[in-house]
Amino acid sequence: MRTGQSLESYLNDWAADDPSRVAVADTLNAVAQASTTVADLIGRGPLAGSLAEEVGDNAGGDAQKFLDVRADELFIEAFQAAPVAIVYSEERDDPVPLDAGAPLAVAIDPLDGSSNIDTNVSIGTIVSVFPAPEGTDAPLPKGRDQVAAAFTIYGPQTSIVFTLGAGTHSATLDRASGRFIVTAETMQIPTGRREYAINASNYRFWDPAVQAYIDDCIAGAEGPRGENFNMRWIASLVAEAYRVLQRGGIFLYPRDARPGYQEGRLRLVYEANPIAFIVEQAGGAATDGIDRILTIAPKTMHQRTPLVFGSRDKVELVGRYHTEPPATGEFSPLFGRRGLFRA
């Protein structure tokens, strides 16, 4: 791949008349097509109407915005012209059957971060592509069975970050031509960066292992880590993922004690799996705090999971906080002295 090449051209070159690859290329081209339409709609903001208006609840009980529903419709329409047998969408109670003879299935969060629509913060789309299940009762595949994954981030620039299983790449929308142009190839998550992203307002509900990890970050240079850290939180998974890919660090959305959050909040099939695939292909790691995300067997379409991803060393360290608990000692919320590095 060469930067400056159109995404469509790159995907067609990669497919090289291999039928299985052609199907994947056509599906990602459908993602790009629909993303372009959604980007234009988002770019118009209130000129396009009340995009953040609540119109109901989705299958997971979250409030649906007008733009959630419209994005879902646009992507389903695009997949109707692609070799997609079935679509699993966050916005639908049940899978959407398309072409029964097609080789691929798609799981999608059509509009991630919709709580940010009216605040002009980056939002996005997350897509997982995997072989179509054999029969309606076939179990959903594990994340490691994905053949491609992508997310589109609608921000000051609109970009698609994608993997075909051999590296993570990025293409940026050229608004003048309406085409995505490859702008980064074989991305690698930077190491050694001192940033973490977590919603600290939920500190009191976290497991002790997560509290201890964050305590040691907050303690900074005077604490057991011996370094100062910066905290980031955007409340948009695609924006968090894009920042980690560009700047390194770690993102944590752990389970907590609140009702509905005990198994985590993000969806395994169409959020955690594609993000994990992309992150791993960029040299990083993604777990539920302990276990690798891509090895978890989904039981339901809308199954939730904790999610920790970023630089491999930082993700592995979070796992050690869970499996190698520190010795009991002085512990004060937020500014405790207890941690993995100090008994």
Protein backbone atom coordinates (compact mmCIF):
# COMPACT_ATOMS: atom_id res chain seq x y z
CA MET A 1 0.00 0.00 0.00
CA ARG A 2 1.11 3.53 -0.68
CA THR A 3 -0.17 6.63 1.06
CA GLY A 4 -2.06 8.82 -1.38
CA GLN A 5 -3.84 5.85 -2.92
CA SER A 6 -7.62 5.82 -2.72
CA LEU A 7 -9.11 3.36 -0.28
CA GLU A 8 -11.19 1.78 -3.04
CA SER A 9 -8.09 1.28 -5.20
CA TYR A 10 -6.13 -0.15 -2.28
CA LEU A 11 -8.88 -2.62 -1.40
CA ASN A 12 -9.24 -3.69 -5.03
CA ASP A 13 -5.48 -4.24 -5.31
CA TRP A 14 -5.49 -6.23 -2.08
CA ALA A 15 -8.36 -8.41 -3.31
CA ALA A 16 -6.57 -9.26 -6.58
CA ASP A 17 -9.49 -11.33 -7.91
CA ASP A 18 -9.46 -13.66 -4.89
CA PRO A 19 -13.22 -14.26 -4.35
CA SER A 20 -12.97 -14.31 -0.55
CA ARG A 21 -10.95 -11.09 -0.53
CA VAL A 22 -13.22 -9.45 -3.11
CA ALA A 23 -16.16 -9.97 -0.77
CA VAL A 24 -14.31 -8.30 2.10
CA ALA A 25 -13.18 -5.41 -0.15
CA ASP A 26 -16.73 -4.85 -1.40
CA THR A 27 -18.02 -4.80 2.18
CA LEU A 28 -15.45 -2.25 3.35
CA ASN A 29 -16.18 -0.15 0.27
CA ALA A 30 -19.83 -0.19 1.37
CA VAL A 31 -18.70 1.04 4.81
CA ALA A 32 -16.80 3.88 3.15
CA GLN A 33 -19.78 4.80 0.98
CA ALA A 34 -22.18 5.00 3.91
CA SER A 35 -19.59 6.76 6.09
CA THR A 36 -19.30 9.50 3.49
CA THR A 37 -23.06 10.10 3.61
CA VAL A 38 -23.13 10.06 7.42
CA ALA A 39 -20.14 12.43 7.57
CA ASP A 40 -21.98 14.92 5.37
CA LEU A 41 -25.06 14.69 7.57
CA ILE A 42 -23.03 15.22 10.76
CA GLY A 43 -21.13 18.08 9.14
CA ARG A 44 -24.36 19.96 8.57
CA GLY A 45 -25.23 19.72 12.26
CA PRO A 46 -28.44 21.55 13.21
CA LEU A 47 -28.87 22.59 9.58
CA ALA A 48 -29.82 18.95 8.95
CA GLY A 49 -32.45 18.97 11.71
CA SER A 50 -32.59 17.77 15.31
CA LEU A 51 -29.96 15.04 15.00
CA ALA A 52 -29.74 14.57 18.79
CA GLU A 53 -33.49 14.27 19.32
CA GLU A 54 -34.42 11.17 21.34
CA VAL A 55 -36.74 8.91 19.36
CA GLY A 56 -36.86 5.78 21.54
CA ASP A 57 -34.63 3.11 23.08
CA ASN A 58 -32.43 0.54 21.37
CA ALA A 59 -32.16 -3.18 22.13
CA GLY A 60 -29.77 -2.54 25.01
CA GLY A 61 -32.04 -0.01 26.68
CA ASP A 62 -29.97 3.03 25.68
CA ALA A 63 -31.70 6.15 24.39
CA GLN A 64 -31.84 6.27 20.60
CA LYS A 65 -31.17 9.58 18.89
CA PHE A 66 -32.50 10.49 15.45
CA LEU A 67 -28.97 10.21 14.05
CA ASP A 68 -28.55 6.71 15.56
CA VAL A 69 -31.56 5.52 13.59
CA ARG A 70 -30.66 7.35 10.39
CA ALA A 71 -27.07 6.07 10.42
CA ASP A 72 -28.36 2.53 10.95
CA GLU A 73 -30.65 2.89 7.93
CA LEU A 74 -27.84 4.23 5.73
CA PHE A 75 -25.45 1.41 6.58
CA ILE A 76 -28.09 -1.29 6.12
CA GLU A 77 -28.85 0.20 2.70
CA ALA A 78 -25.17 0.12 1.77
CA PHE A 79 -24.76 -3.51 2.89
CA GLN A 80 -27.68 -4.54 0.70
CA ALA A 81 -25.38 -3.97 -2.28
CA ALA A 82 -22.50 -5.89 -0.70
CA PRO A 83 -21.96 -9.65 -0.20
CA VAL A 84 -23.45 -9.57 3.30
CA ALA A 85 -25.79 -12.31 4.51
CA ILE A 86 -26.78 -10.79 7.83
CA VAL A 87 -26.22 -7.63 9.87
CA TYR A 88 -26.08 -7.45 13.66
CA SER A 89 -26.75 -3.84 14.66
CA GLU A 90 -26.80 -2.13 18.04
CA GLU A 91 -29.96 -0.34 16.94
CA ARG A 92 -31.94 -3.50 16.17
CA ASP A 93 -33.45 -6.07 18.53
CA ASP A 94 -32.73 -8.89 16.08
CA PRO A 95 -30.29 -9.58 13.24
CA VAL A 96 -31.23 -8.18 9.82
CA PRO A 97 -31.16 -10.85 7.07
CA LEU A 98 -29.96 -9.65 3.68
CA ASP A 99 -28.55 -12.07 1.07
CA ALA A 100 -28.81 -15.62 2.43
CA GLY A 101 -26.16 -16.89 0.01
CA ALA A 102 -23.58 -14.20 0.77
CA PRO A 103 -20.32 -15.23 2.48
CA LEU A 104 -20.02 -12.50 5.12
CA ALA A 105 -21.75 -11.15 8.19
CA VAL A 106 -21.39 -7.67 9.66
CA ALA A 107 -21.77 -6.47 13.24
CA ILE A 108 -22.07 -2.70 13.58
CA ASP A 109 -22.51 0.16 15.99
CA PRO A 110 -23.82 2.65 13.42
CA LEU A 111 -23.22 5.70 15.59
CA ASP A 112 -20.87 5.41 18.54
CA GLY A 113 -20.82 8.27 21.05
CA SER A 114 -24.25 9.64 20.23
CA SER A 115 -24.41 11.46 23.58
CA ASN A 116 -21.92 13.86 21.98
CA ILE A 117 -24.00 14.74 18.92
CA ASP A 118 -25.19 18.10 20.22
CA THR A 119 -21.80 19.05 21.73
CA ASN A 120 -19.85 18.85 18.43
CA VAL A 121 -17.45 16.20 19.78
CA SER A 122 -16.07 13.41 17.58
CA ILE A 123 -18.41 10.44 17.12
CA GLY A 124 -18.13 7.41 14.88
CA THR A 125 -19.11 4.05 13.42
CA ILE A 126 -17.64 0.67 14.41
CA VAL A 127 -17.76 -2.38 12.12
CA SER A 128 -16.81 -6.04 12.47
CA VAL A 129 -16.69 -8.35 9.42
CA PHE A 130 -16.65 -12.14 9.80
CA PRO A 131 -17.76 -15.27 7.92
CA ALA A 132 -21.51 -15.66 7.75
CA PRO A 133 -22.77 -18.17 10.35
CA GLU A 134 -24.05 -21.48 8.99
CA GLY A 135 -27.71 -21.45 9.89
CA THR A 136 -29.83 -19.17 12.02
CA ASP A 137 -28.98 -21.07 15.20
CA ALA A 138 -25.20 -21.01 14.66
CA PRO A 139 -23.27 -19.35 17.49
CA LEU A 140 -21.68 -15.97 16.91
CA PRO A 141 -17.96 -16.28 16.19
CA LYS A 142 -15.24 -15.19 18.56
CA GLY A 143 -13.45 -11.95 17.82
CA ARG A 144 -10.39 -13.84 16.56
CA ASP A 145 -12.54 -15.12 13.68
CA GLN A 146 -12.96 -11.63 12.21
CA VAL A 147 -11.64 -11.17 8.69
CA ALA A 148 -11.74 -7.36 8.85
CA ALA A 149 -12.66 -4.55 11.20
CA ALA A 150 -12.97 -0.80 10.85
CA PHE A 151 -14.10 2.30 12.60
CA THR A 152 -14.96 5.67 11.12
CA ILE A 153 -14.32 8.78 13.21
CA TYR A 154 -16.33 11.87 12.31
CA GLY A 155 -14.28 14.74 13.67
CA PRO A 156 -12.46 17.77 12.27
CA GLN A 157 -11.34 15.19 9.71
CA THR A 158 -13.30 12.07 8.83
CA SER A 159 -11.10 8.97 8.81
CA ILE A 160 -11.56 5.22 8.50
CA VAL A 161 -9.15 3.09 10.52
CA PHE A 162 -9.19 -0.51 9.32
CA THR A 163 -7.46 -3.86 9.42
CA LEU A 164 -7.62 -6.83 7.08
CA GLY A 165 -5.63 -8.96 9.48
CA ALA A 166 -2.17 -7.75 8.49
CA GLY A 167 -1.59 -4.36 10.11
CA THR A 168 -3.75 -1.36 10.90
CA HIS A 169 -4.15 1.44 8.36
CA SER A 170 -6.02 4.72 8.04
CA ALA A 171 -7.71 6.58 5.20
CA THR A 172 -8.97 10.17 5.35
CA LEU A 173 -12.00 11.56 3.54
CA ASP A 174 -11.11 14.05 0.82
CA ARG A 175 -14.27 16.15 0.87
CA ALA A 176 -13.48 17.69 -2.50
CA SER A 177 -13.57 14.35 -4.30
CA GLY A 178 -15.77 12.40 -1.88
CA ARG A 179 -13.16 9.63 -1.71
CA PHE A 180 -11.17 8.20 1.17
CA ILE A 181 -7.42 8.50 0.63
CA VAL A 182 -4.92 6.27 2.46
CA THR A 183 -2.93 8.52 4.80
CA ALA A 184 -1.28 6.08 7.24
CA GLU A 185 -0.16 2.48 6.91
CA THR A 186 0.99 -0.16 9.38
CA MET A 187 0.19 2.05 12.34
CA GLN A 188 1.89 1.21 15.64
CA ILE A 189 0.65 2.33 19.04
CA PRO A 190 3.43 4.46 20.63
CA THR A 191 4.90 3.06 23.82
CA GLY A 192 6.09 4.84 26.95
CA ARG A 193 3.30 7.43 26.92
CA ARG A 194 1.85 8.46 30.30
CA GLU A 195 -1.85 8.87 29.53
CA TYR A 196 -4.89 6.95 30.70
CA ALA A 197 -8.56 7.36 29.84
CA ILE A 198 -11.30 6.43 32.30
CA ASN A 199 -14.48 8.00 33.66
CA ALA A 200 -13.17 8.86 37.14
CA SER A 201 -16.63 9.90 38.36
CA ASN A 202 -17.38 6.20 38.81
CA TYR A 203 -14.34 5.54 41.03
CA ARG A 204 -16.42 4.49 44.05
CA PHE A 205 -18.11 1.71 42.03
CA TRP A 206 -14.95 0.09 40.58
CA ASP A 207 -13.34 -3.18 41.61
CA PRO A 208 -10.43 -2.70 44.05
CA ALA A 209 -7.93 -3.74 41.34
CA VAL A 210 -9.01 -0.88 39.06
CA GLN A 211 -9.05 1.56 41.97
CA ALA A 212 -5.51 0.53 42.90
CA TYR A 213 -4.24 0.94 39.32
CA ILE A 214 -5.72 4.44 39.03
CA ASP A 215 -4.52 5.38 42.55
CA ASP A 216 -0.97 4.59 41.48
CA CYS A 217 -1.36 6.71 38.34
CA ILE A 218 -2.76 9.62 40.36
CA ALA A 219 0.08 9.38 42.89
CA GLY A 220 2.39 10.39 40.05
CA ALA A 221 6.12 10.83 40.51
CA GLU A 222 5.77 10.55 44.28
CA GLY A 223 3.93 7.21 44.01
CA PRO A 224 5.00 3.66 43.20
CA ARG A 225 4.94 4.25 39.43
CA GLY A 226 7.47 7.07 39.77
CA GLU A 227 5.92 9.03 36.86
CA ASN A 228 3.29 11.70 36.37
CA PHE A 229 0.25 10.74 34.29
CA ASN A 230 -2.40 12.71 32.41
CA MET A 231 -6.05 11.62 32.36
CA ARG A 232 -8.24 11.84 29.26
CA TRP A 233 -11.95 11.07 28.84
CA ILE A 234 -13.99 11.88 25.72
CA ALA A 235 -16.97 9.49 26.17
CA SER A 236 -16.65 8.42 22.53
CA LEU A 237 -15.07 5.00 21.98
CA VAL A 238 -13.85 5.79 18.47
CA ALA A 239 -12.26 9.04 19.62
CA GLU A 240 -10.56 7.26 22.51
CA ALA A 241 -9.31 4.51 20.18
CA TYR A 242 -8.02 6.99 17.61
CA ARG A 243 -6.14 8.92 20.29
CA VAL A 244 -4.55 5.73 21.64
CA LEU A 245 -3.47 4.72 18.13
CA GLN A 246 -1.88 8.12 17.61
CA ARG A 247 -0.49 8.84 21.09
CA GLY A 248 -0.37 5.60 23.04
CA GLY A 249 -1.50 5.15 26.63
CA ILE A 250 -4.44 3.11 27.83
CA PHE A 251 -8.25 3.19 27.84
CA LEU A 252 -10.33 1.55 30.58
CA TYR A 253 -14.07 0.96 30.73
CA PRO A 254 -14.27 -1.55 33.59
CA ARG A 255 -17.25 -3.32 35.09
CA ASP A 256 -18.57 -1.65 38.21
CA ALA A 257 -21.17 -2.06 40.94
CA ARG A 258 -23.92 0.07 39.40
CA PRO A 259 -27.07 -1.70 38.17
CA GLY A 260 -26.55 -2.67 34.52
CA TYR A 261 -22.78 -2.23 34.68
CA GLN A 262 -21.74 -5.42 36.50
CA GLU A 263 -20.74 -7.08 33.21
CA GLY A 264 -19.32 -3.93 31.71
CA ARG A 265 -21.13 -1.52 29.44
CA LEU A 266 -19.63 -1.83 25.96
CA ARG A 267 -20.92 -4.49 23.57
CA LEU A 268 -18.61 -7.40 22.81
CA VAL A 269 -19.72 -8.23 19.27
CA TYR A 270 -19.88 -4.83 17.58
CA GLU A 271 -17.73 -2.60 19.79
CA ALA A 272 -15.07 -4.47 21.76
CA ASN A 273 -14.23 -7.11 19.14
CA PRO A 274 -13.52 -4.76 16.20
CA ILE A 275 -11.64 -2.27 18.38
CA ALA A 276 -9.58 -5.12 19.87
CA PHE A 277 -8.72 -6.49 16.41
CA ILE A 278 -7.59 -3.07 15.21
CA VAL A 279 -5.58 -2.39 18.38
CA GLU A 280 -3.83 -5.77 18.31
CA GLN A 281 -2.89 -5.29 14.66
CA ALA A 282 -1.26 -2.00 15.73
CA GLY A 283 0.91 -3.75 18.31
CA GLY A 284 -1.35 -3.14 21.29
CA ALA A 285 -3.50 -5.34 23.48
CA ALA A 286 -7.16 -5.50 24.48
CA THR A 287 -8.67 -7.41 27.41
CA ASP A 288 -11.66 -7.42 29.73
CA GLY A 289 -9.17 -6.61 32.47
CA ILE A 290 -7.79 -10.14 32.53
CA ASP A 291 -8.74 -12.17 29.44
CA ARG A 292 -8.02 -11.31 25.82
CA ILE A 293 -11.15 -9.85 24.22
CA LEU A 294 -10.74 -11.79 20.96
CA THR A 295 -10.97 -15.15 22.75
CA ILE A 296 -14.29 -14.50 24.50
CA ALA A 297 -17.17 -16.53 23.08
CA PRO A 298 -20.27 -14.32 22.60
CA LYS A 299 -23.45 -15.78 24.05
CA THR A 300 -25.83 -13.11 22.75
CA MET A 301 -25.85 -10.44 20.07
CA HIS A 302 -25.91 -7.57 22.57
CA GLN A 303 -23.62 -9.06 25.22
CA ARG A 304 -21.68 -6.52 27.27
CA THR A 305 -18.07 -6.68 28.41
CA PRO A 306 -15.49 -4.63 30.30
CA LEU A 307 -12.84 -3.28 27.92
CA VAL A 308 -9.22 -2.28 28.50
CA PHE A 309 -6.99 -1.51 25.51
CA GLY A 310 -3.86 0.38 24.56
CA SER A 311 -0.12 -0.12 24.80
CA ARG A 312 0.57 -3.78 25.49
CA ASP A 313 2.72 -3.17 28.57
CA LYS A 314 0.05 -1.02 30.21
CA VAL A 315 -2.77 -3.45 29.46
CA GLU A 316 -0.73 -6.35 30.83
CA LEU A 317 -0.03 -4.31 33.98
CA VAL A 318 -3.77 -3.83 34.56
CA GLY A 319 -4.11 -7.60 34.34
CA ARG A 320 -1.46 -7.99 37.03
CA TYR A 321 -3.42 -5.68 39.33
CA HIS A 322 -6.30 -8.17 39.00
CA THR A 323 -4.31 -11.39 39.32
CA GLU A 324 -1.52 -10.26 41.69
CA PRO A 325 -3.37 -8.16 44.27
CA PRO A 326 -1.14 -5.94 46.41
CA ALA A 327 -0.53 -6.75 50.03
CA THR A 328 -3.00 -5.16 52.42
CA GLY A 329 -1.77 -1.78 53.57
CA GLU A 330 -2.79 1.80 53.93
CA PHE A 331 -5.44 2.65 51.37
CA SER A 332 -7.08 6.01 50.98
CA PRO A 333 -9.49 6.61 48.06
CA LEU A 334 -7.85 8.49 45.16
CA PHE A 335 -4.60 9.16 47.01
CA GLY A 336 -3.84 5.80 48.61
CA ARG A 337 -0.33 4.45 49.01
CA ARG A 338 -1.27 0.87 48.22
CA GLY A 339 -0.37 -0.45 44.78
CA LEU A 340 1.23 -3.30 42.87
CA PHE A 341 4.63 -1.70 43.35
CA ARG A 342 4.31 -0.99 47.05
CA ALA A 343 3.14 -3.24 49.86
